[in-house]
N, C-alpha and C. Protein backbone atom coordinates (compact mmCIF):
# COMPACT_ATOMS: atom_id res chain seq x y z
N UNK A 1 -9.09 15.51 34.78
CA UNK A 1 -10.52 14.69 33.75
C UNK A 1 -11.47 15.61 33.81
N UNK A 2 -12.05 16.45 35.09
CA UNK A 2 -12.97 17.52 35.18
C UNK A 2 -12.70 18.78 34.22
N UNK A 3 -11.60 19.35 34.87
CA UNK A 3 -10.98 20.55 34.01
C UNK A 3 -11.48 20.69 32.65
N UNK A 4 -11.07 19.28 31.78
CA UNK A 4 -11.10 19.28 30.39
C UNK A 4 -12.57 19.00 30.13
N UNK A 5 -13.48 18.41 30.80
CA UNK A 5 -14.85 18.54 30.59
C UNK A 5 -15.44 20.32 31.02
N UNK A 6 -14.79 20.55 31.66
CA UNK A 6 -15.37 22.13 31.72
C UNK A 6 -15.17 23.05 30.31
N UNK A 7 -13.96 22.83 30.22
CA UNK A 7 -13.68 23.64 29.15
C UNK A 7 -14.34 23.16 27.80
N UNK A 8 -14.59 21.81 27.96
CA UNK A 8 -15.21 21.55 26.59
C UNK A 8 -16.78 22.21 26.76
N UNK A 9 -17.24 22.27 27.64
CA UNK A 9 -18.34 22.89 28.01
C UNK A 9 -18.52 24.28 27.84
N UNK A 10 -17.45 24.97 27.83
CA UNK A 10 -17.55 26.35 28.08
C UNK A 10 -17.87 26.47 26.70
N UNK A 11 -17.14 25.80 25.85
CA UNK A 11 -17.14 26.33 24.57
C UNK A 11 -18.24 26.29 23.68
N UNK A 12 -18.90 25.12 24.41
CA UNK A 12 -20.74 24.81 23.89
C UNK A 12 -21.44 26.05 24.60
N UNK A 13 -20.78 26.35 25.70
CA UNK A 13 -21.79 27.75 25.92
C UNK A 13 -21.82 29.14 25.36
N UNK A 14 -20.31 29.38 25.33
CA UNK A 14 -19.98 30.48 24.39
C UNK A 14 -21.06 30.24 22.97
N UNK A 15 -20.55 29.19 22.35
CA UNK A 15 -21.19 29.77 20.88
C UNK A 15 -22.97 29.11 20.97
N UNK A 16 -23.67 28.65 21.72
CA UNK A 16 -24.98 28.94 22.25
C UNK A 16 -25.77 30.14 22.62
N UNK A 17 -24.50 31.19 23.33
CA UNK A 17 -25.01 32.00 23.65
C UNK A 17 -23.91 33.29 22.72
N UNK A 18 -23.64 33.03 21.90
CA UNK A 18 -22.77 34.22 21.03
C UNK A 18 -21.51 34.80 21.70
N UNK A 19 -20.96 34.60 22.65
CA UNK A 19 -19.83 35.12 23.78
C UNK A 19 -18.68 34.84 23.20
N UNK A 20 -17.52 35.58 23.75
CA UNK A 20 -16.58 34.93 23.68
C UNK A 20 -15.64 34.85 24.78
N UNK A 21 -14.64 34.34 24.97
CA UNK A 21 -13.95 34.08 26.32
C UNK A 21 -11.99 34.42 26.13
N UNK A 22 -11.62 34.23 27.14
CA UNK A 22 -10.07 34.56 27.04
C UNK A 22 -9.40 33.72 28.51
N UNK A 23 -7.91 33.42 28.08
CA UNK A 23 -6.96 33.07 29.59
C UNK A 23 -6.58 34.15 30.01
N UNK A 24 -6.73 34.42 31.06
CA UNK A 24 -6.39 35.28 32.19
C UNK A 24 -5.07 34.99 32.97
N UNK A 25 -3.64 34.58 32.67
CA UNK A 25 -3.13 34.18 33.65
C UNK A 25 -3.44 32.54 33.70
N UNK A 26 -3.65 32.27 32.66
CA UNK A 26 -3.97 30.42 32.85
C UNK A 26 -5.50 30.21 33.07
N UNK A 27 -6.62 31.34 33.77
CA UNK A 27 -7.54 31.28 33.79
C UNK A 27 -8.90 31.72 33.31
N UNK A 28 -10.09 30.80 32.76
CA UNK A 28 -10.98 31.17 31.69
C UNK A 28 -11.79 32.33 32.05
N UNK A 29 -11.62 33.13 31.28
CA UNK A 29 -13.18 33.85 31.64
C UNK A 29 -13.97 34.44 30.04
N UNK A 30 -15.36 34.49 30.74
CA UNK A 30 -15.65 34.17 29.85
C UNK A 30 -16.57 36.25 29.55
N UNK A 31 -16.39 36.89 28.19
CA UNK A 31 -17.06 37.86 28.62
C UNK A 31 -18.68 37.87 28.50
N UNK A 32 -19.37 37.84 29.27
CA UNK A 32 -20.93 37.69 29.71
C UNK A 32 -21.64 38.71 28.99
N UNK A 33 -21.02 40.69 29.41
CA UNK A 33 -21.27 41.74 28.77
C UNK A 33 -22.61 41.81 29.23
N UNK A 34 -22.99 41.57 30.11
CA UNK A 34 -24.52 42.20 30.93
C UNK A 34 -24.41 42.82 32.01
N UNK A 35 -25.30 43.81 32.33
CA UNK A 35 -24.91 44.78 33.29
C UNK A 35 -24.43 44.33 34.79
N UNK A 36 -25.14 42.92 35.40
CA UNK A 36 -25.18 42.47 36.76
C UNK A 36 -24.17 41.02 36.44
N UNK A 37 -23.56 41.20 35.04
CA UNK A 37 -22.54 39.97 35.15
C UNK A 37 -21.53 40.62 33.58
N UNK A 38 -20.44 41.43 33.99
CA UNK A 38 -19.68 41.40 32.75
C UNK A 38 -18.73 40.32 32.51
N UNK A 39 -18.29 39.84 33.52
CA UNK A 39 -17.19 38.95 33.56
C UNK A 39 -17.80 37.73 33.93
N UNK A 40 -17.64 36.44 33.77
CA UNK A 40 -17.71 34.90 34.26
C UNK A 40 -16.37 34.67 34.28
N UNK A 41 -16.03 34.32 35.83
CA UNK A 41 -14.56 33.76 35.63
C UNK A 41 -15.09 31.63 35.84
N UNK A 42 -14.15 30.72 35.38
CA UNK A 42 -14.33 29.49 35.49
C UNK A 42 -13.23 28.72 35.95
N UNK A 43 -13.38 28.04 37.18
CA UNK A 43 -12.17 27.51 37.62
C UNK A 43 -12.42 26.16 37.07
N UNK A 44 -11.06 25.51 36.33
CA UNK A 44 -11.32 24.28 35.81
C UNK A 44 -10.58 23.44 37.03
N UNK A 45 -10.24 23.86 37.85
CA UNK A 45 -9.82 22.74 39.09
C UNK A 45 -10.01 23.21 40.08
N UNK A 46 -10.99 22.88 41.35
CA UNK A 46 -11.65 23.86 42.28
C UNK A 46 -10.45 23.76 43.38
N UNK A 47 -8.95 23.12 43.36
CA UNK A 47 -8.02 23.93 44.11
C UNK A 47 -7.43 25.40 43.56
N UNK A 48 -7.98 25.68 42.55
CA UNK A 48 -7.56 27.43 42.48
C UNK A 48 -9.21 27.99 43.00
N UNK A 49 -9.88 27.37 43.69
CA UNK A 49 -10.91 27.79 43.77
C UNK A 49 -11.05 29.86 44.98
N UNK A 50 -9.75 29.42 45.67
CA UNK A 50 -9.97 30.60 46.79
C UNK A 50 -9.05 31.77 46.11
N UNK A 51 -7.82 31.08 45.73
CA UNK A 51 -7.49 32.59 44.90
C UNK A 51 -8.15 33.15 43.60
N UNK A 52 -8.67 32.48 42.82
CA UNK A 52 -9.70 32.85 41.78
C UNK A 52 -10.84 33.94 42.86
N UNK A 53 -11.29 33.44 43.31
CA UNK A 53 -12.38 34.10 44.48
C UNK A 53 -11.69 35.88 44.84
N UNK A 54 -10.43 35.21 45.21
CA UNK A 54 -9.67 36.82 45.37
C UNK A 54 -9.91 38.07 44.81
N UNK A 55 -9.54 37.14 42.94
CA UNK A 55 -9.16 38.15 42.39
C UNK A 55 -10.83 38.75 41.35
N UNK A 56 -11.85 37.69 41.48
CA UNK A 56 -12.93 38.29 40.84
C UNK A 56 -13.82 39.10 42.21
N UNK A 57 -13.06 39.15 43.63
CA UNK A 57 -13.65 39.50 44.52
C UNK A 57 -13.46 41.32 44.37
N UNK A 58 -12.23 41.52 43.88
CA UNK A 58 -11.34 42.85 43.52
C UNK A 58 -11.46 43.42 41.86
N UNK A 59 -12.10 42.55 41.46
CA UNK A 59 -12.57 43.19 39.76
C UNK A 59 -13.58 44.04 39.92
N UNK A 60 -13.39 45.27 39.83
CA UNK A 60 -14.15 46.66 39.35
C UNK A 60 -15.62 46.30 38.92
N UNK A 61 -15.76 45.34 37.57
CA UNK A 61 -17.17 45.28 37.19
C UNK A 61 -17.55 44.31 37.96
N UNK A 62 -19.00 43.98 37.57
CA UNK A 62 -19.98 43.04 38.17
C UNK A 62 -19.30 41.72 37.66
N UNK A 63 -19.00 40.64 38.48
CA UNK A 63 -18.24 39.75 37.82
C UNK A 63 -18.78 38.04 38.40
N UNK A 64 -19.12 37.12 37.71
CA UNK A 64 -19.37 36.09 38.75
C UNK A 64 -18.12 34.81 38.58
N UNK A 65 -17.91 33.64 39.56
CA UNK A 65 -17.18 32.45 39.45
C UNK A 65 -18.09 31.46 39.39
N UNK A 66 -17.86 30.41 38.81
CA UNK A 66 -17.81 29.24 39.10
C UNK A 66 -16.99 28.26 38.97
N UNK A 67 -17.58 27.20 39.96
CA UNK A 67 -16.60 26.60 40.48
C UNK A 67 -17.48 24.87 40.30
N UNK A 68 -16.87 23.97 39.21
CA UNK A 68 -17.39 22.77 39.43
C UNK A 68 -16.57 21.91 41.05
N UNK A 69 -16.89 21.07 41.09
CA UNK A 69 -16.19 20.99 42.59
C UNK A 69 -16.88 19.35 42.90
N UNK A 70 -15.79 18.71 43.66
CA UNK A 70 -16.83 17.48 44.49
C UNK A 70 -16.68 17.72 45.86
N UNK A 71 -16.35 18.98 46.34
CA UNK A 71 -16.24 19.38 47.55
C UNK A 71 -16.77 20.56 47.67
N UNK A 72 -18.47 20.83 47.54
CA UNK A 72 -18.83 22.28 47.69
C UNK A 72 -18.71 23.36 49.15
N UNK A 73 -19.19 22.63 50.06
CA UNK A 73 -19.01 23.06 51.26
C UNK A 73 -17.34 23.67 51.27
N UNK A 74 -16.27 22.76 51.20
CA UNK A 74 -14.99 23.53 51.13
C UNK A 74 -15.11 24.60 50.44
N UNK A 75 -15.28 24.99 49.27
CA UNK A 75 -15.68 25.75 48.14
C UNK A 75 -16.03 26.62 48.68
N UNK A 76 -17.57 26.65 48.88
CA UNK A 76 -17.92 27.81 49.65
C UNK A 76 -17.73 28.53 50.86
N UNK A 77 -16.83 27.84 51.74
CA UNK A 77 -16.43 28.75 52.22
C UNK A 77 -15.00 29.35 52.14
N UNK A 78 -13.98 28.88 51.16
CA UNK A 78 -13.23 29.19 50.66
C UNK A 78 -13.46 30.57 49.89
N UNK A 79 -14.72 30.85 49.33
CA UNK A 79 -14.94 31.99 48.25
C UNK A 79 -15.60 33.15 49.23
N UNK A 80 -16.23 32.34 50.61
CA UNK A 80 -17.13 33.51 51.11
C UNK A 80 -15.74 34.34 52.04
N UNK A 81 -14.72 33.83 52.26
CA UNK A 81 -13.62 34.36 52.64
C UNK A 81 -13.21 35.03 52.12
N UNK A 82 -13.06 34.96 50.84
CA UNK A 82 -12.61 35.81 49.81
C UNK A 82 -13.60 36.91 49.45
N UNK A 83 -14.60 37.13 50.20
CA UNK A 83 -15.39 38.15 49.60
C UNK A 83 -16.62 38.13 49.29
N UNK A 84 -16.45 36.77 48.59
CA UNK A 84 -17.85 36.77 47.24
C UNK A 84 -19.11 36.26 47.81
N UNK A 85 -20.02 36.60 47.26
CA UNK A 85 -21.50 36.06 47.96
C UNK A 85 -21.96 34.94 47.37
N UNK A 86 -22.29 33.88 47.28
CA UNK A 86 -22.89 32.33 46.91
C UNK A 86 -24.22 32.89 46.25
N UNK A 87 -24.41 32.83 45.27
CA UNK A 87 -25.85 33.21 44.65
C UNK A 87 -26.33 31.70 44.21
N UNK A 88 -25.64 30.83 43.69
CA UNK A 88 -26.12 29.44 43.61
C UNK A 88 -25.46 28.18 44.00
N UNK A 89 -25.45 27.73 45.20
CA UNK A 89 -24.72 27.24 46.02
C UNK A 89 -24.69 25.55 45.61
N UNK A 90 -25.61 25.18 44.73
CA UNK A 90 -25.80 23.58 44.94
C UNK A 90 -26.72 23.16 43.10
N UNK A 91 -26.04 24.02 42.06
CA UNK A 91 -26.06 23.77 40.73
C UNK A 91 -25.04 22.35 40.17
N UNK A 92 -25.53 21.74 39.25
CA UNK A 92 -25.18 20.48 39.04
C UNK A 92 -24.37 20.38 37.74
N UNK A 93 -23.20 19.76 37.22
CA UNK A 93 -22.02 19.64 36.45
C UNK A 93 -23.01 18.17 35.87
N UNK A 94 -23.49 17.81 34.50
CA UNK A 94 -24.13 16.96 34.39
C UNK A 94 -23.58 16.22 32.75
N UNK A 95 -24.11 14.87 32.29
CA UNK A 95 -22.87 14.32 31.37
C UNK A 95 -24.31 13.70 30.63
N UNK A 96 -23.98 13.34 29.54
CA UNK A 96 -24.65 11.81 28.88
C UNK A 96 -24.04 11.49 27.77
N UNK A 97 -24.08 9.94 27.44
CA UNK A 97 -23.75 9.48 26.01
C UNK A 97 -25.05 9.54 25.56
N UNK A 98 -24.77 10.27 24.13
CA UNK A 98 -25.89 10.32 23.52
C UNK A 98 -26.67 9.24 22.73
N UNK A 99 -26.20 8.85 22.58
CA UNK A 99 -26.52 7.16 21.81
C UNK A 99 -27.87 7.09 22.66
N UNK A 100 -29.14 6.57 22.54
CA UNK A 100 -29.91 5.85 23.00
C UNK A 100 -30.77 6.77 23.69
N UNK A 101 -30.41 8.26 23.63
CA UNK A 101 -31.02 9.34 24.50
C UNK A 101 -32.43 9.15 23.70
N UNK A 102 -33.78 9.24 25.00
CA UNK A 102 -35.41 9.58 24.64
C UNK A 102 -35.33 10.52 23.75
N UNK A 103 -36.10 10.46 22.77
CA UNK A 103 -36.96 11.43 22.12
C UNK A 103 -38.91 11.20 22.13
N UNK A 104 -38.92 11.60 23.09
CA UNK A 104 -40.78 11.62 23.20
C UNK A 104 -41.19 12.36 22.38
N UNK A 105 -42.25 12.09 21.92
CA UNK A 105 -43.15 13.00 21.15
C UNK A 105 -43.99 14.10 21.99
N UNK A 106 -44.12 15.35 21.56
CA UNK A 106 -44.98 16.01 22.21
C UNK A 106 -46.63 15.34 22.45
N UNK A 107 -47.12 16.23 23.62
CA UNK A 107 -48.48 15.54 24.17
C UNK A 107 -49.03 16.23 22.92
N UNK A 108 -50.37 15.66 23.27
CA UNK A 108 -51.59 16.27 22.10
C UNK A 108 -51.91 17.95 22.36
N UNK A 109 -51.83 18.53 21.38
CA UNK A 109 -52.16 19.73 21.37
C UNK A 109 -50.75 20.88 21.12
N UNK A 110 -49.80 20.06 20.90
CA UNK A 110 -48.37 20.72 20.99
C UNK A 110 -47.25 20.33 19.82
N UNK A 111 -46.60 21.53 19.16
CA UNK A 111 -46.04 20.70 17.99
C UNK A 111 -44.50 21.00 18.15
N UNK A 112 -44.16 20.67 17.77
CA UNK A 112 -42.18 21.23 17.63
C UNK A 112 -41.72 21.44 16.50
N UNK A 113 -40.98 22.34 16.94
CA UNK A 113 -40.38 23.84 15.91
C UNK A 113 -38.95 23.47 15.93
N UNK A 114 -38.17 23.28 14.54
CA UNK A 114 -36.76 23.30 15.14
C UNK A 114 -35.93 24.09 14.11
N UNK A 115 -35.29 25.04 14.81
CA UNK A 115 -34.55 25.99 13.91
C UNK A 115 -32.83 25.41 13.65
N UNK A 116 -32.32 25.57 12.05
CA UNK A 116 -31.22 25.24 12.17
C UNK A 116 -30.29 26.35 12.21
N UNK A 117 -28.80 26.61 12.66
CA UNK A 117 -28.02 27.60 12.12
C UNK A 117 -26.61 27.06 12.83
N UNK A 118 -25.99 28.23 13.33
CA UNK A 118 -24.94 27.64 14.00
C UNK A 118 -25.21 26.93 15.25
N UNK A 119 -26.45 27.49 15.64
CA UNK A 119 -26.72 26.82 17.19
C UNK A 119 -28.15 26.27 16.89
N UNK A 120 -28.60 24.95 17.40
CA UNK A 120 -29.67 24.31 16.99
C UNK A 120 -30.74 25.16 18.44
N UNK A 121 -32.09 25.17 17.68
CA UNK A 121 -32.71 25.54 18.84
C UNK A 121 -33.92 24.92 18.27
N UNK A 122 -34.88 24.61 19.71
CA UNK A 122 -36.08 23.68 19.91
C UNK A 122 -37.48 24.64 20.27
N UNK A 123 -38.57 24.99 19.64
CA UNK A 123 -39.55 25.40 20.62
C UNK A 123 -40.70 24.34 20.49
N UNK A 124 -41.40 24.47 21.69
CA UNK A 124 -43.00 23.61 21.55
C UNK A 124 -43.78 24.44 21.70
N UNK A 125 -44.81 24.64 20.88
CA UNK A 125 -46.03 25.58 20.76
C UNK A 125 -47.01 24.49 21.16
N UNK A 126 -47.73 25.80 21.35
CA UNK A 126 -49.34 25.53 21.62
C UNK A 126 -50.17 26.49 21.55
N UNK A 127 -50.50 26.37 20.49
CA UNK A 127 -51.65 27.26 19.80
C UNK A 127 -51.13 28.79 19.31
N UNK A 128 -49.36 28.19 18.76
CA UNK A 128 -48.53 29.54 18.26
C UNK A 128 -47.99 30.27 19.62
N UNK A 129 -48.38 29.85 20.54
CA UNK A 129 -47.38 30.32 21.65
C UNK A 129 -46.63 29.30 22.14
N UNK A 130 -44.96 30.16 22.77
CA UNK A 130 -44.02 29.65 23.08
C UNK A 130 -44.33 28.97 24.06
N UNK A 131 -44.62 27.48 24.39
CA UNK A 131 -44.58 26.70 25.90
C UNK A 131 -43.28 26.37 26.45
N UNK A 132 -42.38 25.93 25.86
CA UNK A 132 -41.21 25.54 26.10
C UNK A 132 -40.04 25.64 25.10
N UNK A 133 -38.73 25.82 25.49
CA UNK A 133 -37.62 26.10 24.83
C UNK A 133 -36.34 26.05 24.55
N UNK A 134 -35.50 25.73 23.90
CA UNK A 134 -34.01 25.47 24.54
C UNK A 134 -32.89 25.53 23.31
N UNK A 135 -31.85 25.57 23.43
CA UNK A 135 -30.80 25.72 22.48
C UNK A 135 -29.54 24.35 22.76
N UNK A 136 -28.99 24.37 21.70
CA UNK A 136 -27.88 23.20 21.93
C UNK A 136 -26.86 23.61 20.69
N UNK A 137 -25.55 23.81 21.30
CA UNK A 137 -24.40 24.05 20.27
C UNK A 137 -23.80 22.68 20.12
N UNK A 138 -23.33 22.30 19.12
CA UNK A 138 -22.24 21.19 18.85
C UNK A 138 -20.83 21.81 18.39
N UNK A 139 -20.10 21.54 19.16
CA UNK A 139 -18.80 22.11 19.15
C UNK A 139 -17.88 20.51 19.11
N UNK A 140 -17.46 20.17 17.80
CA UNK A 140 -16.68 18.86 17.32
C UNK A 140 -17.86 17.90 18.14
N UNK A 141 -17.22 16.63 18.81
CA UNK A 141 -18.26 15.82 19.16
C UNK A 141 -19.26 16.20 20.61
N UNK A 142 -19.14 17.17 20.85
CA UNK A 142 -19.56 17.56 22.47
C UNK A 142 -20.89 18.55 21.87
N UNK A 143 -22.02 18.25 22.36
CA UNK A 143 -23.32 19.02 22.41
C UNK A 143 -23.79 19.41 23.73
N UNK A 144 -23.87 20.64 23.70
CA UNK A 144 -23.85 21.75 25.45
C UNK A 144 -25.55 22.29 25.02
N UNK A 145 -25.90 21.55 26.24
CA UNK A 145 -27.61 22.05 26.16
C UNK A 145 -27.70 23.59 26.80
N UNK A 146 -28.37 24.20 26.54
CA UNK A 146 -28.71 25.84 27.29
C UNK A 146 -30.05 26.62 27.37
N UNK A 147 -30.28 27.12 28.21
CA UNK A 147 -31.42 27.83 28.29
C UNK A 147 -32.77 26.83 28.13
N UNK A 148 -32.63 25.70 28.85
CA UNK A 148 -33.92 24.85 28.61
C UNK A 148 -34.86 25.38 29.74
N UNK A 149 -35.97 25.59 29.05
CA UNK A 149 -37.20 26.32 29.60
C UNK A 149 -38.49 25.78 29.34
N UNK A 150 -39.16 25.99 30.63
CA UNK A 150 -40.95 25.52 30.25
C UNK A 150 -41.25 26.68 30.91
N UNK A 151 -42.41 27.26 30.13
CA UNK A 151 -43.44 28.07 30.48
C UNK A 151 -44.40 27.82 31.83
N UNK A 152 -44.63 28.72 32.73
CA UNK A 152 -44.94 28.08 34.03
C UNK A 152 -46.48 27.58 33.58
N UNK A 153 -47.32 28.06 32.55
CA UNK A 153 -48.70 27.30 32.32
C UNK A 153 -48.48 26.09 32.00
N UNK A 154 -47.39 25.87 31.36
CA UNK A 154 -47.30 24.71 30.51
C UNK A 154 -46.10 22.99 31.20
N UNK A 155 -45.99 23.55 32.57
CA UNK A 155 -45.33 22.66 33.02
C UNK A 155 -46.06 21.26 34.08
N UNK A 156 -44.99 20.20 34.35
CA UNK A 156 -45.67 19.08 34.29
C UNK A 156 -46.39 18.23 33.24
N UNK A 157 -46.22 18.59 32.04
CA UNK A 157 -46.51 17.69 31.10
C UNK A 157 -45.64 17.09 29.88
N UNK A 158 -44.05 17.32 30.68
CA UNK A 158 -43.29 16.39 29.93
C UNK A 158 -42.21 17.17 28.65
N UNK A 159 -42.80 18.24 28.79
CA UNK A 159 -42.33 19.32 27.38
C UNK A 159 -40.57 19.58 27.35
N UNK A 160 -40.19 19.34 28.83
CA UNK A 160 -38.63 19.33 28.64
C UNK A 160 -37.68 18.29 28.40
N UNK A 161 -39.07 17.16 28.81
CA UNK A 161 -38.52 15.97 28.00
C UNK A 161 -38.36 16.15 26.35
N UNK A 162 -39.32 16.48 25.97
CA UNK A 162 -39.87 16.81 24.35
C UNK A 162 -39.03 17.81 23.71
N UNK A 163 -38.12 18.72 24.37
CA UNK A 163 -37.30 19.66 24.13
C UNK A 163 -35.99 19.17 24.10
N UNK A 164 -35.62 18.59 25.14
CA UNK A 164 -34.13 17.98 25.24
C UNK A 164 -34.30 16.68 23.65
N UNK A 165 -35.40 16.06 23.78
CA UNK A 165 -34.96 14.99 22.90
C UNK A 165 -35.07 15.08 21.38
N UNK A 166 -35.99 16.38 21.37
CA UNK A 166 -35.48 17.09 19.87
C UNK A 166 -33.98 17.63 19.47
N UNK A 167 -33.77 18.00 20.27
CA UNK A 167 -32.58 18.69 20.35
C UNK A 167 -31.39 18.16 20.36
N UNK A 168 -31.59 16.95 21.00
CA UNK A 168 -30.52 15.67 20.97
C UNK A 168 -30.31 14.98 19.61
N UNK A 169 -31.57 14.96 19.15
CA UNK A 169 -31.80 14.52 17.66
C UNK A 169 -30.88 14.96 16.50
N UNK A 170 -31.35 16.37 16.84
CA UNK A 170 -30.58 17.31 15.54
C UNK A 170 -28.82 17.01 15.56
N UNK A 171 -28.57 17.25 17.01
CA UNK A 171 -27.23 17.34 17.49
C UNK A 171 -26.41 16.00 17.06
N UNK A 172 -26.86 14.77 17.42
CA UNK A 172 -26.59 13.84 16.67
C UNK A 172 -26.35 13.33 15.34
N UNK A 173 -27.37 14.19 14.48
CA UNK A 173 -27.10 14.07 13.52
C UNK A 173 -25.76 15.41 12.56
N UNK A 174 -25.34 15.64 13.52
CA UNK A 174 -24.33 16.96 13.31
C UNK A 174 -23.35 16.14 13.64
N UNK A 175 -23.09 14.99 14.16
CA UNK A 175 -21.86 14.19 14.79
C UNK A 175 -21.70 14.28 16.32
N UNK A 176 -22.47 15.01 17.02
CA UNK A 176 -22.46 14.99 18.67
C UNK A 176 -22.34 13.68 19.36
N UNK A 177 -21.71 13.24 19.94
CA UNK A 177 -21.73 11.87 20.66
C UNK A 177 -21.72 11.94 22.16
N UNK A 178 -21.93 13.04 22.70
CA UNK A 178 -21.61 13.26 24.21
C UNK A 178 -22.15 14.75 24.46
N UNK A 179 -23.07 14.84 25.37
CA UNK A 179 -23.49 15.77 25.62
C UNK A 179 -23.52 16.37 27.34
N UNK A 180 -23.00 17.58 27.15
CA UNK A 180 -22.60 18.29 28.60
C UNK A 180 -23.53 19.62 29.31
N UNK A 181 -24.04 20.07 30.07
CA UNK A 181 -24.28 20.58 30.92
C UNK A 181 -24.67 21.17 32.08
N UNK A 182 -24.83 22.74 32.69
CA UNK A 182 -24.69 22.78 33.71
C UNK A 182 -26.60 23.06 34.22
N UNK A 183 -27.04 22.33 35.44
CA UNK A 183 -28.12 22.15 35.57
C UNK A 183 -28.31 23.26 36.75
N UNK A 184 -30.05 23.79 36.87
CA UNK A 184 -30.14 24.39 37.91
C UNK A 184 -30.70 23.21 39.48
N UNK A 185 -30.81 23.47 40.43
CA UNK A 185 -31.55 22.73 40.93
C UNK A 185 -32.76 21.87 40.68
N UNK A 186 -33.89 23.26 40.06
CA UNK A 186 -34.84 22.31 39.89
C UNK A 186 -34.86 21.53 38.07
N UNK A 187 -33.64 21.70 37.48
CA UNK A 187 -33.54 20.53 36.19
C UNK A 187 -32.50 19.18 36.53
N UNK A 188 -32.48 19.23 37.47
CA UNK A 188 -31.85 17.77 37.86
C UNK A 188 -32.73 16.73 37.36
N UNK A 189 -33.85 16.64 37.93
CA UNK A 189 -34.83 15.60 37.89
C UNK A 189 -34.95 15.38 36.84
N UNK A 190 -35.22 16.47 35.56
CA UNK A 190 -35.39 16.01 34.45
C UNK A 190 -34.51 15.53 33.51
N UNK A 191 -33.01 15.96 33.70
CA UNK A 191 -32.15 15.22 33.46
C UNK A 191 -31.91 14.16 33.42
N UNK A 192 -31.59 13.64 34.92
CA UNK A 192 -31.99 12.22 35.25
C UNK A 192 -32.60 11.48 34.81
N UNK A 193 -33.73 11.74 34.92
CA UNK A 193 -34.90 11.01 34.06
C UNK A 193 -34.74 10.70 32.81
N UNK A 194 -33.67 11.32 32.16
CA UNK A 194 -33.38 11.40 30.47
C UNK A 194 -32.50 10.46 30.48
N UNK A 195 -31.27 9.90 31.71
CA UNK A 195 -30.23 9.37 31.57
C UNK A 195 -28.99 9.87 31.72
N UNK A 196 -29.10 11.36 32.24
CA UNK A 196 -27.88 12.41 32.41
C UNK A 196 -27.56 11.92 33.62
N UNK A 197 -26.06 12.09 33.83
CA UNK A 197 -25.26 11.64 35.05
C UNK A 197 -24.73 13.10 35.65
N UNK A 198 -24.40 13.20 36.60
CA UNK A 198 -23.68 13.93 37.58
C UNK A 198 -22.06 13.93 37.36
N UNK A 199 -21.80 14.45 37.05
CA UNK A 199 -20.32 14.75 36.85
C UNK A 199 -19.37 15.39 38.24
N UNK A 200 -20.42 16.68 38.63
CA UNK A 200 -19.96 17.31 39.92
C UNK A 200 -20.75 18.01 40.47
N UNK A 201 -20.76 18.71 41.59
CA UNK A 201 -21.25 19.59 42.19
C UNK A 201 -21.22 21.18 41.42
N UNK A 202 -21.73 22.06 41.23
CA UNK A 202 -21.44 23.37 41.25
C UNK A 202 -21.86 24.65 41.71
N UNK A 203 -20.78 25.18 42.34
CA UNK A 203 -20.90 26.82 43.04
C UNK A 203 -20.74 27.82 42.29
N UNK A 204 -21.96 28.45 42.55
CA UNK A 204 -21.66 30.10 41.28
C UNK A 204 -21.84 31.11 42.54
N UNK A 205 -20.63 32.27 42.35
CA UNK A 205 -20.82 33.23 43.50
C UNK A 205 -20.28 34.12 42.47
N UNK A 206 -20.68 35.74 42.84
CA UNK A 206 -20.80 36.83 42.49
C UNK A 206 -19.84 37.70 43.48
N UNK A 207 -19.39 38.96 42.74
CA UNK A 207 -18.82 39.99 43.37
C UNK A 207 -19.74 40.92 44.21
N UNK A 208 -18.83 42.10 44.92
CA UNK A 208 -20.38 43.01 45.35
C UNK A 208 -20.24 44.03 44.32
N UNK A 209 -19.71 44.18 42.99
CA UNK A 209 -19.59 45.15 42.23
C UNK A 209 -21.12 44.97 41.76
N UNK A 210 -21.74 46.49 41.77
CA UNK A 210 -22.98 46.80 40.91
C UNK A 210 -23.92 46.55 41.35
N UNK A 211 -24.10 45.43 42.81
CA UNK A 211 -24.85 45.18 43.52
C UNK A 211 -26.08 46.48 43.99
């Protein structure tokens, strides 16, 4: 079950970020093509974490490995033993049925701008300045949130909820019924307050190439 959800999430991520992916020996690899992260390998079953970590550790290019898991401590031990460095040990894989998602209005002094294209974009503006924003890609009935960010000067004003609400409203209009996302530690509280639920923990590691 978790493997299917991971694959569905990945399809939304690459759509949102304009990336491509492939399967190498049945392992999912995303072409990120950034100087510090050329490839990201994604485990669809944490039982393969150790083997995948060995592959990523031996890769010449800067490469990362993401492992959704219900046993993060065991996964961390395996991938460290293979030679990877754990970069983010405590992220979270989350989902939500989009029906009934909150759509809060922006606070006074802020406006919401929506752009439509292959990917939905939302910006919350204050005097023409971008205070918060995010992206959402709709693939089939799935909506995948990406790069949900609030500028430091505008935090603690509920703008993240405004961004998510506007993105979900547009995604539902496009036929999406389920939301999926990978959350940082700092984002989990926001998503939980909006009714998103944890699917699993997420461990992210990198090899030493280019460090």
